[in-house]
Amino acid sequence: MCLAVPGKILSIDESNPELKMARVQFGEAIREISVQWINDVAIGDYILAHVGTALSKIDEADAKYTLDALREMGAPELDP
């Protein structure tokens, strides 16, 4: 079983056309995530990420709902 975590895109680096990367915020943590396979991502969008790769784009309401559920389960890095 896998867990994809929602995060908010802070910046996008398209300097390498073969590997588009984004700085993504997951609560207090900021990670570099590949967004190569997701169309039409922009700064401020929310994505679901697993193992350093964005799996899909999601809306803000769904992201916040999932983040709240993860916080309730005790995910410390996701505290605002």
Protein backbone atom coordinates (compact mmCIF):
# COMPACT_ATOMS: atom_id res chain seq x y z
CA MET A 1 0.00 0.00 0.00
CA CYS A 2 1.28 3.47 -0.92
CA LEU A 3 0.59 6.84 0.59
CA ALA A 4 0.53 9.91 -1.63
CA VAL A 5 0.77 13.17 0.27
CA PRO A 6 -0.68 16.49 -0.90
CA GLY A 7 1.67 19.43 -1.24
CA LYS A 8 1.60 22.97 -2.57
CA ILE A 9 3.90 23.99 -5.44
CA LEU A 10 6.12 26.92 -4.45
CA SER A 11 8.29 27.12 -7.58
CA ILE A 12 8.93 25.21 -10.80
CA ASP A 13 12.30 24.62 -12.47
CA GLU A 14 11.98 23.89 -16.17
CA SER A 15 15.69 24.36 -16.99
CA ASN A 16 15.99 20.65 -17.85
CA PRO A 17 13.23 19.79 -20.36
CA GLU A 18 13.62 16.09 -19.59
CA LEU A 19 13.02 16.49 -15.85
CA LYS A 20 10.73 19.33 -14.74
CA MET A 21 11.09 19.75 -10.97
CA ALA A 22 9.15 21.75 -8.38
CA ARG A 23 9.75 22.89 -4.83
CA VAL A 24 6.72 21.60 -2.97
CA GLN A 25 5.61 22.43 0.57
CA PHE A 26 4.24 19.67 2.79
CA GLY A 27 3.35 21.48 6.01
CA GLU A 28 6.70 22.66 7.39
CA ALA A 29 8.75 20.48 5.03
CA ILE A 30 9.80 21.58 1.54
CA ARG A 31 10.95 18.95 -0.96
CA GLU A 32 12.06 18.78 -4.59
CA ILE A 33 9.44 16.80 -6.51
CA SER A 34 9.36 15.74 -10.16
CA VAL A 35 6.30 17.18 -11.92
CA GLN A 36 7.43 15.96 -15.33
CA TRP A 37 4.38 13.77 -15.93
CA ILE A 38 1.70 16.22 -14.77
CA ASN A 39 0.25 18.61 -17.36
CA ASP A 40 -0.54 22.24 -16.63
CA VAL A 41 0.94 22.59 -13.16
CA ALA A 42 1.58 26.09 -11.86
CA ILE A 43 2.85 27.78 -8.74
CA GLY A 44 0.15 27.56 -6.07
CA ASP A 45 -1.32 24.29 -7.39
CA TYR A 46 -1.63 21.25 -5.13
CA ILE A 47 -0.28 17.86 -6.17
CA LEU A 48 -0.27 14.36 -4.72
CA ALA A 49 3.31 13.14 -4.37
CA HIS A 50 4.80 9.73 -3.70
CA VAL A 51 8.52 8.91 -3.57
CA GLY A 52 9.57 12.24 -5.07
CA THR A 53 7.14 12.17 -7.98
CA ALA A 54 3.87 14.03 -8.50
CA LEU A 55 1.12 11.55 -9.32
CA SER A 56 -1.74 13.99 -9.98
CA LYS A 57 -2.96 17.53 -9.50
CA ILE A 58 -5.75 18.00 -6.92
CA ASP A 59 -7.87 20.92 -5.82
CA GLU A 60 -7.10 22.88 -2.67
CA ALA A 61 -10.16 21.64 -0.74
CA ASP A 62 -9.20 17.99 -1.25
CA ALA A 63 -5.58 18.74 -0.32
CA LYS A 64 -6.58 20.47 2.91
CA TYR A 65 -9.03 17.69 3.82
CA THR A 66 -6.30 15.05 3.38
CA LEU A 67 -3.69 17.12 5.25
CA ASP A 68 -6.10 17.59 8.17
CA ALA A 69 -6.71 13.82 8.30
CA LEU A 70 -2.97 13.12 8.27
CA ARG A 71 -2.39 15.66 11.06
CA GLU A 72 -5.09 13.98 13.14
CA MET A 73 -3.19 10.70 12.73
CA GLY A 74 -0.07 12.41 14.09
CA ALA A 75 2.01 13.33 11.02
CA PRO A 76 4.36 15.86 12.75
CA GLU A 77 5.95 17.36 9.59
CA LEU A 78 2.52 18.43 8.35
CA ASP A 79 1.81 20.84 11.21
CA PRO A 80 1.21 24.35 9.87
